[in-house]
Amino acid sequence: MLTLDAIEAQGSAVAALRRAIARDRVASAYLFEGPSGVGKEQAALGFAAEAIGPGGADAAQLRERIAGDKHPDVRVFRPRDEGKRNIPVDFVRDEILPVARYAPFESARAFLVFPDADVSFPMEQPAAANALLKTLEEPRRGVTFILLAPRPDALLQTIRSRCQRLRFGPLPPATLERILAERGVSPEARGPAIALAGGRADRALELAEQGRAAAMLALALDVDAAVASRRPGRITDAAEALAKAEPLAVALDALGRFYRDVACVAVGAADTGGAPEDDPRPTHLAFGDALDTLRQRARGLSVMEATRRVAAVERARRSLARNANVQLAMDALVFGMSRGQGGS
């Protein structure tokens, strides 16, 4: 439902948007920052619906038109599907700027929404962003741009500086738990999916409904077995499999959480953590359903080494964030763990 009331766990951002409407001080440009799958696009469309009005019986029809992309004053421009996913400069000039120049067409306000704006207008290809910039600097009255960006620093600083920035944070586990339960996801599938979702509802659903959380655990076990074997060929294969995992960020999360779980079990922290009496799974473990496997591994791996490996995975994540070569980073991680160094 396209209302700000439907946005969960984003109280600060929603409150700011409500104040803007109440005070009739809607900004000409917003930058909604934060992970995908936490409600940014729903908030943008809900904000547009409430800012445009009307109330009463006509509100449902308005929201239906916006949701169906049939309202002329609420336009959504996504990254292009063909080739490189950035929006070409010609598309900005021919399709986006005319809308910004002549809107609103039907209402007192118009909203142009850009999901994944950091993909549409990447810093390394600034032509399209620069074409948009003049309109952001001299906006038409009643027209509001809303850029949604998981990676706001990938946008030009000149774009960011023209926007009012609102932060959308990861969803808390309790919210993800309820969302998965409403979708009919079994209790045993929820825990690993939530642990690996990074606070993203879309990722939690994908991991749970496609059984990918179990596949990520299997990959972590394969990497761990290869490390334990000390066989270069097997270690190389494991590093290649890890580098090809999709999405790699989730695979690394799974590997790190596996070793964290092993460390917890090794120090006797595998209690039920307040779980229901008929549910013996430890609630604080990502892979509590595989408790026997964790216990077996904890007997052969010291707490110190498991902790080193958790840290090594985090270092690998940071190196990838600095644009390190994926395969080289995974080779360094897995071979480093095999040498008892927790990665390099």
C-alpha atoms as a PDB file:
ATOM      1  CA  MET A   1       0.000   0.000   0.000  1.00  0.00           C
ATOM      2  CA  LEU A   2       1.438   3.359  -1.047  1.00  0.00           C
ATOM      3  CA  THR A   3       1.275   5.269   2.215  1.00  0.00           C
ATOM      4  CA  LEU A   4       3.984   6.420   4.562  1.00  0.00           C
ATOM      5  CA  ASP A   5       2.167   4.476   7.290  1.00  0.00           C
ATOM      6  CA  ALA A   6       3.185   1.265   5.505  1.00  0.00           C
ATOM      7  CA  ILE A   7       6.921   2.024   5.778  1.00  0.00           C
ATOM      8  CA  GLU A   8       8.391   0.027   8.644  1.00  0.00           C
ATOM      9  CA  ALA A   9      11.376   0.730  10.883  1.00  0.00           C
ATOM     10  CA  GLN A  10      12.266   4.013   9.142  1.00  0.00           C
ATOM     11  CA  GLY A  11      10.757   6.394  11.663  1.00  0.00           C
ATOM     12  CA  SER A  12      13.214   9.262  11.263  1.00  0.00           C
ATOM     13  CA  ALA A  13      12.949   9.427   7.466  1.00  0.00           C
ATOM     14  CA  VAL A  14       9.164   9.064   7.487  1.00  0.00           C
ATOM     15  CA  ALA A  15       8.828  11.784  10.130  1.00  0.00           C
ATOM     16  CA  ALA A  16      10.918  14.175   8.018  1.00  0.00           C
ATOM     17  CA  LEU A  17       8.739  13.521   4.965  1.00  0.00           C
ATOM     18  CA  ARG A  18       5.553  14.023   6.946  1.00  0.00           C
ATOM     19  CA  ARG A  19       6.842  17.348   8.300  1.00  0.00           C
ATOM     20  CA  ALA A  20       7.628  18.499   4.769  1.00  0.00           C
ATOM     21  CA  ILE A  21       4.057  17.797   3.671  1.00  0.00           C
ATOM     22  CA  ALA A  22       2.478  19.308   6.774  1.00  0.00           C
ATOM     23  CA  ARG A  23       4.513  22.514   6.468  1.00  0.00           C
ATOM     24  CA  ASP A  24       4.166  22.670   2.670  1.00  0.00           C
ATOM     25  CA  ARG A  25       7.947  22.650   2.407  1.00  0.00           C
ATOM     26  CA  VAL A  26       8.584  19.734   0.070  1.00  0.00           C
ATOM     27  CA  ALA A  27      12.155  20.016  -1.225  1.00  0.00           C
ATOM     28  CA  SER A  28      13.028  20.138  -4.907  1.00  0.00           C
ATOM     29  CA  ALA A  29      15.363  17.140  -4.580  1.00  0.00           C
ATOM     30  CA  TYR A  30      15.852  14.298  -2.108  1.00  0.00           C
ATOM     31  CA  LEU A  31      18.484  11.614  -1.819  1.00  0.00           C
ATOM     32  CA  PHE A  32      17.201   8.501  -0.036  1.00  0.00           C
ATOM     33  CA  GLU A  33      20.307   6.641   1.141  1.00  0.00           C
ATOM     34  CA  GLY A  34      20.533   3.087   2.425  1.00  0.00           C
ATOM     35  CA  PRO A  35      20.484  -0.572   1.414  1.00  0.00           C
ATOM     36  CA  SER A  36      18.141  -1.960  -1.197  1.00  0.00           C
ATOM     37  CA  GLY A  37      15.057  -3.743   0.076  1.00  0.00           C
ATOM     38  CA  VAL A  38      14.415  -1.533   3.117  1.00  0.00           C
ATOM     39  CA  GLY A  39      11.524   0.573   1.789  1.00  0.00           C
ATOM     40  CA  LYS A  40      13.126   3.500  -0.063  1.00  0.00           C
ATOM     41  CA  GLU A  41      11.078   3.154  -3.250  1.00  0.00           C
ATOM     42  CA  GLN A  42       7.838   2.496  -1.366  1.00  0.00           C
ATOM     43  CA  ALA A  43       8.563   5.580   0.743  1.00  0.00           C
ATOM     44  CA  ALA A  44       9.199   7.696  -2.358  1.00  0.00           C
ATOM     45  CA  LEU A  45       5.919   6.659  -3.964  1.00  0.00           C
ATOM     46  CA  GLY A  46       3.993   6.926  -0.699  1.00  0.00           C
ATOM     47  CA  PHE A  47       5.438  10.404  -0.160  1.00  0.00           C
ATOM     48  CA  ALA A  48       4.394  11.401  -3.670  1.00  0.00           C
ATOM     49  CA  ALA A  49       0.875  10.063  -3.150  1.00  0.00           C
ATOM     50  CA  GLU A  50       0.404  11.909   0.136  1.00  0.00           C
ATOM     51  CA  ALA A  51       1.951  15.141  -1.142  1.00  0.00           C
ATOM     52  CA  ILE A  52      -0.245  15.165  -4.237  1.00  0.00           C
ATOM     53  CA  GLY A  53      -3.421  14.253  -2.290  1.00  0.00           C
ATOM     54  CA  PRO A  54      -6.382  13.890  -2.382  1.00  0.00           C
ATOM     55  CA  GLY A  55      -7.830  12.366   0.762  1.00  0.00           C
ATOM     56  CA  GLY A  56     -11.005  10.387   1.162  1.00  0.00           C
ATOM     57  CA  ALA A  57     -12.370   7.993  -1.422  1.00  0.00           C
ATOM     58  CA  ASP A  58     -10.202   9.339  -4.240  1.00  0.00           C
ATOM     59  CA  ALA A  59      -6.990   8.441  -2.396  1.00  0.00           C
ATOM     60  CA  ALA A  60      -7.247   4.755  -3.260  1.00  0.00           C
ATOM     61  CA  GLN A  61      -7.641   5.524  -6.965  1.00  0.00           C
ATOM     62  CA  LEU A  62      -4.657   7.889  -6.840  1.00  0.00           C
ATOM     63  CA  ARG A  63      -2.439   5.255  -5.218  1.00  0.00           C
ATOM     64  CA  GLU A  64      -3.588   2.637  -7.702  1.00  0.00           C
ATOM     65  CA  ARG A  65      -2.592   4.883 -10.601  1.00  0.00           C
ATOM     66  CA  ILE A  66       0.804   5.604  -9.064  1.00  0.00           C
ATOM     67  CA  ALA A  67       1.439   1.926  -8.327  1.00  0.00           C
ATOM     68  CA  GLY A  68       0.539   1.063 -11.914  1.00  0.00           C
ATOM     69  CA  ASP A  69       2.858   3.764 -13.310  1.00  0.00           C
ATOM     70  CA  LYS A  70      -0.192   5.493 -14.812  1.00  0.00           C
ATOM     71  CA  HIS A  71      -0.044   8.891 -13.128  1.00  0.00           C
ATOM     72  CA  PRO A  72       1.556  11.595 -15.314  1.00  0.00           C
ATOM     73  CA  ASP A  73       2.944  13.451 -12.300  1.00  0.00           C
ATOM     74  CA  VAL A  74       4.731  10.499 -10.692  1.00  0.00           C
ATOM     75  CA  ARG A  75       7.331   9.087 -13.041  1.00  0.00           C
ATOM     76  CA  VAL A  76       9.831   6.335 -12.202  1.00  0.00           C
ATOM     77  CA  PHE A  77      13.053   6.167 -14.239  1.00  0.00           C
ATOM     78  CA  ARG A  78      15.017   2.975 -13.659  1.00  0.00           C
ATOM     79  CA  PRO A  79      18.514   2.041 -14.852  1.00  0.00           C
ATOM     80  CA  ARG A  80      18.490   0.890 -18.460  1.00  0.00           C
ATOM     81  CA  ASP A  81      18.469  -2.853 -19.100  1.00  0.00           C
ATOM     82  CA  GLU A  82      20.416  -2.876 -22.322  1.00  0.00           C
ATOM     83  CA  GLY A  83      24.204  -2.944 -22.200  1.00  0.00           C
ATOM     84  CA  LYS A  84      25.678  -0.828 -19.444  1.00  0.00           C
ATOM     85  CA  ARG A  85      22.938  -0.024 -16.982  1.00  0.00           C
ATOM     86  CA  ASN A  86      23.547   3.696 -16.638  1.00  0.00           C
ATOM     87  CA  ILE A  87      20.978   6.067 -18.155  1.00  0.00           C
ATOM     88  CA  PRO A  88      22.373   7.530 -21.428  1.00  0.00           C
ATOM     89  CA  VAL A  89      22.732  11.278 -21.685  1.00  0.00           C
ATOM     90  CA  ASP A  90      20.419  11.337 -24.724  1.00  0.00           C
ATOM     91  CA  PHE A  91      17.676   9.708 -22.646  1.00  0.00           C
ATOM     92  CA  VAL A  92      18.087  12.391 -19.992  1.00  0.00           C
ATOM     93  CA  ARG A  93      17.783  15.157 -22.583  1.00  0.00           C
ATOM     94  CA  ASP A  94      14.973  13.602 -24.626  1.00  0.00           C
ATOM     95  CA  GLU A  95      12.836  11.876 -21.983  1.00  0.00           C
ATOM     96  CA  ILE A  96      13.599  13.131 -18.478  1.00  0.00           C
ATOM     97  CA  LEU A  97      14.251  16.857 -18.887  1.00  0.00           C
ATOM     98  CA  PRO A  98      11.048  17.535 -20.874  1.00  0.00           C
ATOM     99  CA  VAL A  99       9.028  15.986 -18.052  1.00  0.00           C
ATOM    100  CA  ALA A 100      10.873  18.094 -15.487  1.00  0.00           C
ATOM    101  CA  ARG A 101      10.430  21.197 -17.639  1.00  0.00           C
ATOM    102  CA  TYR A 102       6.647  20.958 -18.161  1.00  0.00           C
ATOM    103  CA  ALA A 103       5.343  19.026 -15.150  1.00  0.00           C
ATOM    104  CA  PRO A 104       3.114  18.979 -13.210  1.00  0.00           C
ATOM    105  CA  PHE A 105       0.485  18.039 -15.755  1.00  0.00           C
ATOM    106  CA  GLU A 106      -2.493  17.129 -13.596  1.00  0.00           C
ATOM    107  CA  SER A 107      -1.692  17.972  -9.983  1.00  0.00           C
ATOM    108  CA  ALA A 108      -0.067  20.774  -8.037  1.00  0.00           C
ATOM    109  CA  ARG A 109       3.108  18.707  -7.648  1.00  0.00           C
ATOM    110  CA  ALA A 110       5.135  16.241  -9.690  1.00  0.00           C
ATOM    111  CA  PHE A 111       7.709  13.675  -8.602  1.00  0.00           C
ATOM    112  CA  LEU A 112      10.493  12.074 -10.642  1.00  0.00           C
ATOM    113  CA  VAL A 113      11.835   8.974  -8.883  1.00  0.00           C
ATOM    114  CA  PHE A 114      15.150   7.307  -9.729  1.00  0.00           C
ATOM    115  CA  PRO A 115      15.639   3.856  -8.154  1.00  0.00           C
ATOM    116  CA  ASP A 116      19.317   2.833  -8.055  1.00  0.00           C
ATOM    117  CA  ALA A 117      20.402   6.352  -8.980  1.00  0.00           C
ATOM    118  CA  ASP A 118      23.986   5.382  -8.215  1.00  0.00           C
ATOM    119  CA  VAL A 119      23.734   2.928 -11.125  1.00  0.00           C
ATOM    120  CA  SER A 120      21.847   5.301 -13.424  1.00  0.00           C
ATOM    121  CA  PHE A 121      24.259   8.203 -12.896  1.00  0.00           C
ATOM    122  CA  PRO A 122      27.657   6.718 -11.957  1.00  0.00           C
ATOM    123  CA  MET A 123      30.464   9.098 -11.089  1.00  0.00           C
ATOM    124  CA  GLU A 124      32.798   7.526 -13.639  1.00  0.00           C
ATOM    125  CA  GLN A 125      30.322   8.357 -16.470  1.00  0.00           C
ATOM    126  CA  PRO A 126      29.232  11.893 -15.553  1.00  0.00           C
ATOM    127  CA  ALA A 127      27.613  13.065 -18.798  1.00  0.00           C
ATOM    128  CA  ALA A 128      24.065  12.064 -17.852  1.00  0.00           C
ATOM    129  CA  ALA A 129      24.440  13.398 -14.305  1.00  0.00           C
ATOM    130  CA  ASN A 130      25.742  16.716 -15.597  1.00  0.00           C
ATOM    131  CA  ALA A 131      22.800  16.946 -17.992  1.00  0.00           C
ATOM    132  CA  LEU A 132      20.487  16.495 -15.016  1.00  0.00           C
ATOM    133  CA  LEU A 133      22.404  18.874 -12.775  1.00  0.00           C
ATOM    134  CA  LYS A 134      21.165  22.155 -14.264  1.00  0.00           C
ATOM    135  CA  THR A 135      17.567  21.121 -13.633  1.00  0.00           C
ATOM    136  CA  LEU A 136      18.436  20.238 -10.046  1.00  0.00           C
ATOM    137  CA  GLU A 137      20.094  23.638  -9.646  1.00  0.00           C
ATOM    138  CA  GLU A 138      17.145  25.535 -11.154  1.00  0.00           C
ATOM    139  CA  PRO A 139      14.101  23.346 -10.474  1.00  0.00           C
ATOM    140  CA  ARG A 140      10.660  24.152 -11.778  1.00  0.00           C
ATOM    141  CA  ARG A 141       8.213  25.044  -9.022  1.00  0.00           C
ATOM    142  CA  GLY A 142       6.288  22.007  -7.814  1.00  0.00           C
ATOM    143  CA  VAL A 143       8.700  19.446  -9.298  1.00  0.00           C
ATOM    144  CA  THR A 144      10.613  17.145  -6.948  1.00  0.00           C
ATOM    145  CA  PHE A 145      13.385  14.707  -7.809  1.00  0.00           C
ATOM    146  CA  ILE A 146      13.871  11.680  -5.536  1.00  0.00           C
ATOM    147  CA  LEU A 147      17.110   9.752  -6.032  1.00  0.00           C
ATOM    148  CA  LEU A 148      17.417   6.371  -4.315  1.00  0.00           C
ATOM    149  CA  ALA A 149      20.966   5.150  -3.771  1.00  0.00           C
ATOM    150  CA  PRO A 150      22.411   2.209  -1.833  1.00  0.00           C
ATOM    151  CA  ARG A 151      25.843   3.731  -2.589  1.00  0.00           C
ATOM    152  CA  PRO A 152      25.378   7.515  -2.447  1.00  0.00           C
ATOM    153  CA  ASP A 153      29.125   8.142  -2.669  1.00  0.00           C
ATOM    154  CA  ALA A 154      28.995   6.731  -6.218  1.00  0.00           C
ATOM    155  CA  LEU A 155      27.074   9.855  -7.258  1.00  0.00           C
ATOM    156  CA  LEU A 156      28.768  13.097  -8.199  1.00  0.00           C
ATOM    157  CA  GLN A 157      29.253  15.371  -5.216  1.00  0.00           C
ATOM    158  CA  THR A 158      27.503  18.147  -7.126  1.00  0.00           C
ATOM    159  CA  ILE A 159      24.399  15.935  -7.382  1.00  0.00           C
ATOM    160  CA  ARG A 160      24.512  14.987  -3.697  1.00  0.00           C
ATOM    161  CA  SER A 161      24.900  18.603  -2.627  1.00  0.00           C
ATOM    162  CA  ARG A 162      21.663  19.606  -4.388  1.00  0.00           C
ATOM    163  CA  CYS A 163      19.610  17.040  -2.465  1.00  0.00           C
ATOM    164  CA  GLN A 164      18.114  16.825   0.988  1.00  0.00           C
ATOM    165  CA  ARG A 165      19.539  13.554   2.273  1.00  0.00           C
ATOM    166  CA  LEU A 166      17.482  11.039   4.264  1.00  0.00           C
ATOM    167  CA  ARG A 167      18.930   7.836   5.671  1.00  0.00           C
ATOM    168  CA  PHE A 168      17.069   4.512   5.454  1.00  0.00           C
ATOM    169  CA  GLY A 169      18.635   1.855   7.658  1.00  0.00           C
ATOM    170  CA  PRO A 170      18.597  -1.964   7.573  1.00  0.00           C
ATOM    171  CA  LEU A 171      15.379  -3.557   8.804  1.00  0.00           C
ATOM    172  CA  PRO A 172      15.585  -5.135  12.275  1.00  0.00           C
ATOM    173  CA  PRO A 173      15.385  -8.946  12.602  1.00  0.00           C
ATOM    174  CA  ALA A 174      11.912  -8.794  14.163  1.00  0.00           C
ATOM    175  CA  THR A 175      10.560  -6.973  11.108  1.00  0.00           C
ATOM    176  CA  LEU A 176      12.161  -9.474   8.732  1.00  0.00           C
ATOM    177  CA  GLU A 177      10.831 -12.341  10.858  1.00  0.00           C
ATOM    178  CA  ARG A 178       7.283 -11.039  10.500  1.00  0.00           C
ATOM    179  CA  ILE A 179       7.641 -10.416   6.756  1.00  0.00           C
ATOM    180  CA  LEU A 180       8.906 -13.953   6.169  1.00  0.00           C
ATOM    181  CA  ALA A 181       6.183 -15.437   8.364  1.00  0.00           C
ATOM    182  CA  GLU A 182       3.515 -13.535   6.412  1.00  0.00           C
ATOM    183  CA  ARG A 183       4.938 -15.013   3.203  1.00  0.00           C
ATOM    184  CA  GLY A 184       4.592 -18.509   4.642  1.00  0.00           C
ATOM    185  CA  VAL A 185       8.315 -19.172   5.076  1.00  0.00           C
ATOM    186  CA  SER A 186       8.917 -22.051   7.476  1.00  0.00           C
ATOM    187  CA  PRO A 187      10.465 -21.196  10.869  1.00  0.00           C
ATOM    188  CA  GLU A 188      13.573 -23.293  10.169  1.00  0.00           C
ATOM    189  CA  ALA A 189      14.271 -21.344   6.959  1.00  0.00           C
ATOM    190  CA  ARG A 190      13.837 -17.907   8.510  1.00  0.00           C
ATOM    191  CA  GLY A 191      16.847 -17.802  10.834  1.00  0.00           C
ATOM    192  CA  PRO A 192      19.626 -18.292   8.249  1.00  0.00           C
ATOM    193  CA  ALA A 193      17.843 -16.046   5.737  1.00  0.00           C
ATOM    194  CA  ILE A 194      17.525 -13.211   8.254  1.00  0.00           C
ATOM    195  CA  ALA A 195      21.112 -13.653   9.456  1.00  0.00           C
ATOM    196  CA  LEU A 196      22.457 -13.328   5.909  1.00  0.00           C
ATOM    197  CA  ALA A 197      20.034 -10.690   4.601  1.00  0.00           C
ATOM    198  CA  GLY A 198      21.857  -7.643   5.920  1.00  0.00           C
ATOM    199  CA  GLY A 199      18.578  -6.104   7.009  1.00  0.00           C
ATOM    200  CA  ARG A 200      17.103  -6.329   3.492  1.00  0.00           C
ATOM    201  CA  ALA A 201      13.605  -7.723   3.054  1.00  0.00           C
ATOM    202  CA  ASP A 202      14.137  -8.586  -0.611  1.00  0.00           C
ATOM    203  CA  ARG A 203      17.296 -10.549   0.144  1.00  0.00           C
ATOM    204  CA  ALA A 204      15.720 -12.353   3.102  1.00  0.00           C
ATOM    205  CA  LEU A 205      12.823 -13.484   0.911  1.00  0.00           C
ATOM    206  CA  GLU A 206      15.161 -14.597  -1.866  1.00  0.00           C
ATOM    207  CA  LEU A 207      17.370 -16.565   0.508  1.00  0.00           C
ATOM    208  CA  ALA A 208      14.417 -18.206   2.231  1.00  0.00           C
ATOM    209  CA  GLU A 209      12.136 -18.944  -0.703  1.00  0.00           C
ATOM    210  CA  GLN A 210      14.840 -20.265  -3.025  1.00  0.00           C
ATOM    211  CA  GLY A 211      16.654 -22.243  -0.352  1.00  0.00           C
ATOM    212  CA  ARG A 212      19.779 -20.204  -0.994  1.00  0.00           C
ATOM    213  CA  ALA A 213      20.674 -19.869   2.671  1.00  0.00           C
ATOM    214  CA  ALA A 214      21.222 -23.630   2.762  1.00  0.00           C
ATOM    215  CA  ALA A 215      23.321 -23.385  -0.403  1.00  0.00           C
ATOM    216  CA  MET A 216      25.452 -20.676   1.202  1.00  0.00           C
ATOM    217  CA  LEU A 217      26.049 -22.904   4.228  1.00  0.00           C
ATOM    218  CA  ALA A 218      27.051 -25.733   1.895  1.00  0.00           C
ATOM    219  CA  LEU A 219      29.532 -23.422   0.169  1.00  0.00           C
ATOM    220  CA  ALA A 220      30.975 -22.356   3.531  1.00  0.00           C
ATOM    221  CA  LEU A 221      31.395 -26.016   4.492  1.00  0.00           C
ATOM    222  CA  ASP A 222      33.144 -26.738   1.181  1.00  0.00           C
ATOM    223  CA  VAL A 223      35.553 -23.844   1.699  1.00  0.00           C
ATOM    224  CA  ASP A 224      36.229 -24.954   5.260  1.00  0.00           C
ATOM    225  CA  ALA A 225      36.872 -28.544   4.148  1.00  0.00           C
ATOM    226  CA  ALA A 226      39.252 -27.352   1.437  1.00  0.00           C
ATOM    227  CA  VAL A 227      41.153 -25.233   3.951  1.00  0.00           C
ATOM    228  CA  ALA A 228      41.418 -28.191   6.318  1.00  0.00           C
ATOM    229  CA  SER A 229      42.701 -30.450   3.519  1.00  0.00           C
ATOM    230  CA  ARG A 230      45.768 -28.225   2.904  1.00  0.00           C
ATOM    231  CA  ARG A 231      45.688 -29.479  -0.707  1.00  0.00           C
ATOM    232  CA  PRO A 232      46.524 -26.637  -3.135  1.00  0.00           C
ATOM    233  CA  GLY A 233      44.303 -27.943  -5.928  1.00  0.00           C
ATOM    234  CA  ARG A 234      41.278 -28.258  -3.681  1.00  0.00           C
ATOM    235  CA  ILE A 235      41.937 -24.860  -2.119  1.00  0.00           C
ATOM    236  CA  THR A 236      42.156 -23.283  -5.575  1.00  0.00           C
ATOM    237  CA  ASP A 237      38.831 -24.859  -6.552  1.00  0.00           C
ATOM    238  CA  ALA A 238      37.202 -23.583  -3.362  1.00  0.00           C
ATOM    239  CA  ALA A 239      38.510 -20.054  -3.931  1.00  0.00           C
ATOM    240  CA  GLU A 240      37.178 -20.101  -7.496  1.00  0.00           C
ATOM    241  CA  ALA A 241      33.768 -21.321  -6.326  1.00  0.00           C
ATOM    242  CA  LEU A 242      33.657 -18.582  -3.713  1.00  0.00           C
ATOM    243  CA  ALA A 243      34.610 -15.917  -6.263  1.00  0.00           C
ATOM    244  CA  LYS A 244      31.768 -17.061  -8.545  1.00  0.00           C
ATOM    245  CA  ALA A 245      29.120 -17.113  -5.806  1.00  0.00           C
ATOM    246  CA  GLU A 246      26.099 -14.889  -6.385  1.00  0.00           C
ATOM    247  CA  PRO A 247      25.812 -12.601  -4.634  1.00  0.00           C
ATOM    248  CA  LEU A 248      29.375 -12.699  -3.366  1.00  0.00           C
ATOM    249  CA  ALA A 249      28.594 -10.386  -0.452  1.00  0.00           C
ATOM    250  CA  VAL A 250      26.101 -12.918   0.893  1.00  0.00           C
ATOM    251  CA  ALA A 251      28.522 -15.810   0.377  1.00  0.00           C
ATOM    252  CA  LEU A 252      31.148 -13.963   2.409  1.00  0.00           C
ATOM    253  CA  ASP A 253      28.566 -13.161   5.065  1.00  0.00           C
ATOM    254  CA  ALA A 254      27.734 -16.867   5.235  1.00  0.00           C
ATOM    255  CA  LEU A 255      31.381 -17.860   5.553  1.00  0.00           C
ATOM    256  CA  GLY A 256      31.991 -15.307   8.288  1.00  0.00           C
ATOM    257  CA  ARG A 257      28.816 -16.273  10.147  1.00  0.00           C
ATOM    258  CA  PHE A 258      29.772 -19.954   9.905  1.00  0.00           C
ATOM    259  CA  TYR A 259      33.075 -19.341  11.675  1.00  0.00           C
ATOM    260  CA  ARG A 260      31.368 -17.046  14.176  1.00  0.00           C
ATOM    261  CA  ASP A 261      28.875 -19.829  14.931  1.00  0.00           C
ATOM    262  CA  VAL A 262      31.725 -22.322  15.336  1.00  0.00           C
ATOM    263  CA  ALA A 263      33.428 -19.983  17.807  1.00  0.00           C
ATOM    264  CA  CYS A 264      30.184 -19.541  19.760  1.00  0.00           C
ATOM    265  CA  VAL A 265      29.651 -23.293  19.953  1.00  0.00           C
ATOM    266  CA  ALA A 266      33.270 -23.852  20.975  1.00  0.00           C
ATOM    267  CA  VAL A 267      32.883 -21.609  24.022  1.00  0.00           C
ATOM    268  CA  GLY A 268      29.592 -23.231  24.975  1.00  0.00           C
ATOM    269  CA  ALA A 269      27.324 -20.442  23.770  1.00  0.00           C
ATOM    270  CA  ALA A 270      24.973 -22.721  21.843  1.00  0.00           C
ATOM    271  CA  ASP A 271      22.015 -22.189  24.149  1.00  0.00           C
ATOM    272  CA  THR A 272      18.456 -21.659  22.962  1.00  0.00           C
ATOM    273  CA  GLY A 273      18.589 -17.924  23.654  1.00  0.00           C
ATOM    274  CA  GLY A 274      14.939 -17.581  24.619  1.00  0.00           C
ATOM    275  CA  ALA A 275      13.535 -19.779  21.848  1.00  0.00           C
ATOM    276  CA  PRO A 276      10.172 -21.481  22.442  1.00  0.00           C
ATOM    277  CA  GLU A 277      10.284 -24.712  24.438  1.00  0.00           C
ATOM    278  CA  ASP A 278       9.395 -26.781  21.379  1.00  0.00           C
ATOM    279  CA  ASP A 279      12.145 -25.116  19.307  1.00  0.00           C
ATOM    280  CA  PRO A 280      15.636 -26.144  20.482  1.00  0.00           C
ATOM    281  CA  ARG A 281      17.511 -24.136  17.841  1.00  0.00           C
ATOM    282  CA  PRO A 282      19.842 -21.445  19.229  1.00  0.00           C
ATOM    283  CA  THR A 283      18.343 -18.136  18.140  1.00  0.00           C
ATOM    284  CA  HIS A 284      21.662 -16.258  18.083  1.00  0.00           C
ATOM    285  CA  LEU A 285      23.324 -18.656  15.620  1.00  0.00           C
ATOM    286  CA  ALA A 286      22.945 -18.030  11.898  1.00  0.00           C
ATOM    287  CA  PHE A 287      23.091 -21.760  11.218  1.00  0.00           C
ATOM    288  CA  GLY A 288      21.413 -23.070  14.349  1.00  0.00           C
ATOM    289  CA  ASP A 289      19.675 -25.751  12.274  1.00  0.00           C
ATOM    290  CA  ALA A 290      23.111 -27.266  11.599  1.00  0.00           C
ATOM    291  CA  LEU A 291      24.067 -27.407  15.265  1.00  0.00           C
ATOM    292  CA  ASP A 292      25.507 -30.930  15.045  1.00  0.00           C
ATOM    293  CA  THR A 293      27.757 -29.824  12.171  1.00  0.00           C
ATOM    294  CA  LEU A 294      28.866 -26.768  14.122  1.00  0.00           C
ATOM    295  CA  ARG A 295      29.652 -28.864  17.190  1.00  0.00           C
ATOM    296  CA  GLN A 296      31.674 -31.312  15.135  1.00  0.00           C
ATOM    297  CA  ARG A 297      33.692 -28.498  13.562  1.00  0.00           C
ATOM    298  CA  ALA A 298      34.206 -26.790  16.920  1.00  0.00           C
ATOM    299  CA  ARG A 299      35.976 -29.915  18.169  1.00  0.00           C
ATOM    300  CA  GLY A 300      38.647 -29.512  15.500  1.00  0.00           C
ATOM    301  CA  LEU A 301      39.052 -25.735  15.301  1.00  0.00           C
ATOM    302  CA  SER A 302      40.192 -23.515  18.139  1.00  0.00           C
ATOM    303  CA  VAL A 303      38.180 -20.503  19.173  1.00  0.00           C
ATOM    304  CA  MET A 304      41.168 -18.308  18.357  1.00  0.00           C
ATOM    305  CA  GLU A 305      41.488 -19.667  14.821  1.00  0.00           C
ATOM    306  CA  ALA A 306      37.732 -19.427  14.176  1.00  0.00           C
ATOM    307  CA  THR A 307      37.859 -15.810  15.345  1.00  0.00           C
ATOM    308  CA  ARG A 308      40.840 -15.116  13.097  1.00  0.00           C
ATOM    309  CA  ARG A 309      38.861 -16.444  10.149  1.00  0.00           C
ATOM    310  CA  VAL A 310      35.902 -14.206  10.933  1.00  0.00           C
ATOM    311  CA  ALA A 311      38.302 -11.253  10.859  1.00  0.00           C
ATOM    312  CA  ALA A 312      39.884 -12.521   7.633  1.00  0.00           C
ATOM    313  CA  VAL A 313      36.508 -12.604   5.893  1.00  0.00           C
ATOM    314  CA  GLU A 314      35.857  -9.031   6.998  1.00  0.00           C
ATOM    315  CA  ARG A 315      39.243  -7.954   5.618  1.00  0.00           C
ATOM    316  CA  ALA A 316      38.375  -9.605   2.307  1.00  0.00           C
ATOM    317  CA  ARG A 317      35.078  -7.691   2.226  1.00  0.00           C
ATOM    318  CA  ARG A 318      36.919  -4.417   2.796  1.00  0.00           C
ATOM    319  CA  SER A 319      39.425  -5.168   0.048  1.00  0.00           C
ATOM    320  CA  LEU A 320      36.578  -5.824  -2.388  1.00  0.00           C
ATOM    321  CA  ALA A 321      34.999  -2.518  -1.383  1.00  0.00           C
ATOM    322  CA  ARG A 322      38.268  -0.917  -2.515  1.00  0.00           C
ATOM    323  CA  ASN A 323      37.805  -2.592  -5.921  1.00  0.00           C
ATOM    324  CA  ALA A 324      40.300  -5.412  -5.402  1.00  0.00           C
ATOM    325  CA  ASN A 325      40.354  -8.184  -8.002  1.00  0.00           C
ATOM    326  CA  VAL A 326      37.698 -10.664  -6.865  1.00  0.00           C
ATOM    327  CA  GLN A 327      39.591 -13.858  -7.680  1.00  0.00           C
ATOM    328  CA  LEU A 328      42.854 -12.620  -6.186  1.00  0.00           C
ATOM    329  CA  ALA A 329      41.052 -11.532  -3.030  1.00  0.00           C
ATOM    330  CA  MET A 330      39.390 -14.941  -2.647  1.00  0.00           C
ATOM    331  CA  ASP A 331      42.696 -16.728  -3.318  1.00  0.00           C
ATOM    332  CA  ALA A 332      44.355 -14.652  -0.597  1.00  0.00           C
ATOM    333  CA  LEU A 333      41.520 -15.367   1.817  1.00  0.00           C
ATOM    334  CA  VAL A 334      41.301 -19.131   1.352  1.00  0.00           C
ATOM    335  CA  PHE A 335      45.034 -19.829   1.020  1.00  0.00           C
ATOM    336  CA  GLY A 336      45.695 -17.558   4.002  1.00  0.00           C
ATOM    337  CA  MET A 337      43.255 -19.546   6.131  1.00  0.00           C
ATOM    338  CA  SER A 338      44.904 -22.800   5.032  1.00  0.00           C
ATOM    339  CA  ARG A 339      48.225 -21.516   6.360  1.00  0.00           C
ATOM    340  CA  GLY A 340      46.649 -20.768   9.709  1.00  0.00           C
ATOM    341  CA  GLN A 341      46.983 -17.047   9.112  1.00  0.00           C
ATOM    342  CA  GLY A 342      43.298 -16.219   8.855  1.00  0.00           C
ATOM    343  CA  GLY A 343      43.884 -14.805   5.389  1.00  0.00           C
ATOM    344  CA  SER A 344      46.211 -12.061   4.245  1.00  0.00           C
END
